[in-house]
Amino acid sequence: MSNGTKLLLLRGVIGVAILNFAVFYLMALYLGGDAENGRVQAGHFYLASHGNLTEVSKAIFSYSLFHSRSIWITHPIGMIAGYFYIRLKRDQPGVQADRPQKVGPG
């Protein structure tokens, strides 16, 4: 696999991780919280955000719980992909991986 293909694949993985977090954040705002911080009480399902509870259906609660737990998977994978992306980019001959260039004397 060429370095260009690896870089493209790594950018895709990083993009998926960022997109997953953005969708999670926006949905938590829209729904009034997330299930990770919420609770189930007497057959009622609540999402929580900063101490405020919002009652939702079991389906919404299950979705929110699944999505909040997926962040625990995609975040580390995205960070690892970012590490390898920077390392691979830095190791390419003739490529400065977004490093500041020294200009002028001295």
Protein backbone atom coordinates (compact mmCIF):
# COMPACT_ATOMS: atom_id res chain seq x y z
CA MET A 1 0.00 0.00 0.00
CA SER A 2 1.45 3.37 -0.98
CA ASN A 3 1.95 6.17 1.52
CA GLY A 4 -0.63 8.27 -0.30
CA THR A 5 -3.23 5.53 0.18
CA LYS A 6 -2.31 5.15 3.86
CA LEU A 7 -2.63 8.90 4.39
CA LEU A 8 -6.01 8.93 2.67
CA LEU A 9 -7.22 6.01 4.80
CA LEU A 10 -5.98 7.66 8.00
CA ARG A 11 -7.69 10.95 7.06
CA GLY A 12 -10.91 8.99 6.56
CA VAL A 13 -10.63 7.37 10.00
CA ILE A 14 -9.94 10.75 11.62
CA GLY A 15 -12.89 12.25 9.75
CA VAL A 16 -15.25 9.51 10.92
CA ALA A 17 -14.15 10.04 14.54
CA ILE A 18 -14.71 13.80 14.29
CA LEU A 19 -18.06 13.35 12.55
CA ASN A 20 -19.22 10.82 15.15
CA PHE A 21 -18.39 13.21 17.97
CA ALA A 22 -20.07 16.15 16.21
CA VAL A 23 -23.27 14.17 15.62
CA PHE A 24 -23.24 12.93 19.23
CA TYR A 25 -22.82 16.49 20.53
CA LEU A 26 -25.56 17.93 18.32
CA MET A 27 -27.98 15.11 19.16
CA ALA A 28 -27.31 15.52 22.88
CA LEU A 29 -28.13 19.22 22.52
CA TYR A 30 -31.28 18.44 20.54
CA LEU A 31 -32.49 15.65 22.84
CA GLY A 32 -31.67 17.43 26.08
CA GLY A 33 -28.77 15.27 27.23
CA ASP A 34 -27.33 11.82 26.88
CA ALA A 35 -28.08 8.41 28.34
CA GLU A 36 -24.56 7.92 29.69
CA ASN A 37 -25.36 10.55 32.32
CA GLY A 38 -29.08 9.73 32.42
CA ARG A 39 -30.98 7.07 34.29
CA VAL A 40 -33.83 4.60 34.19
CA GLN A 41 -36.25 5.02 37.07
CA ALA A 42 -39.51 3.13 37.59
CA GLY A 43 -39.75 2.24 33.90
CA HIS A 44 -39.13 5.81 32.76
CA PHE A 45 -36.07 6.76 30.71
CA TYR A 46 -34.22 10.02 31.29
CA LEU A 47 -31.38 11.72 29.47
CA ALA A 48 -29.26 14.09 31.55
CA SER A 49 -27.30 17.24 30.84
CA HIS A 50 -25.74 19.33 33.61
CA GLY A 51 -28.21 18.00 36.17
CA ASN A 52 -31.32 18.54 34.01
CA LEU A 53 -33.30 15.41 33.18
CA THR A 54 -35.37 14.93 30.01
CA GLU A 55 -37.78 12.00 29.79
CA VAL A 56 -37.54 10.09 26.49
CA SER A 57 -38.73 6.83 25.00
CA LYS A 58 -36.81 3.61 25.50
CA ALA A 59 -35.73 3.70 21.83
CA ILE A 60 -34.24 7.20 22.16
CA PHE A 61 -32.54 6.23 25.41
CA SER A 62 -31.06 3.11 23.78
CA TYR A 63 -29.85 5.13 20.77
CA SER A 64 -28.24 7.72 23.04
CA LEU A 65 -26.56 5.06 25.17
CA PHE A 66 -25.20 3.29 22.07
CA HIS A 67 -23.97 6.55 20.54
CA SER A 68 -22.32 7.79 23.74
CA ARG A 69 -20.51 4.47 24.12
CA SER A 70 -19.39 4.57 20.48
CA ILE A 71 -17.45 7.75 21.31
CA TRP A 72 -15.29 5.67 23.66
CA ILE A 73 -14.28 3.60 20.62
CA THR A 74 -13.98 6.20 17.85
CA HIS A 75 -12.10 8.82 19.91
CA PRO A 76 -9.07 6.63 20.72
CA ILE A 77 -9.05 5.20 17.19
CA GLY A 78 -9.12 8.73 15.76
CA MET A 79 -6.27 9.83 18.04
CA ILE A 80 -4.17 6.81 17.09
CA ALA A 81 -4.89 7.48 13.40
CA GLY A 82 -3.86 11.10 13.93
CA TYR A 83 -0.58 9.99 15.47
CA PHE A 84 0.20 7.68 12.56
CA TYR A 85 -0.91 10.32 10.04
CA ILE A 86 1.51 12.91 11.46
CA ARG A 87 4.28 10.34 11.72
CA LEU A 88 3.78 9.09 8.17
CA LYS A 89 3.52 12.64 6.82
CA ARG A 90 6.69 13.65 8.67
CA ASP A 91 8.64 10.66 7.37
CA GLN A 92 7.88 11.38 3.71
CA PRO A 93 10.98 12.61 1.90
CA GLY A 94 10.85 16.30 1.04
CA VAL A 95 7.69 16.97 3.07
CA GLN A 96 7.60 19.26 6.07
CA ALA A 97 4.63 18.17 8.20
CA ASP A 98 3.19 21.64 8.81
CA ARG A 99 6.32 22.77 10.61
CA PRO A 100 7.10 26.48 10.71
CA GLN A 101 9.80 27.46 8.27
CA LYS A 102 12.74 29.55 9.40
CA VAL A 103 13.04 32.60 7.19
CA GLY A 104 15.94 35.01 7.02
CA PRO A 105 19.39 35.00 8.54
CA GLY A 106 20.26 33.35 11.75
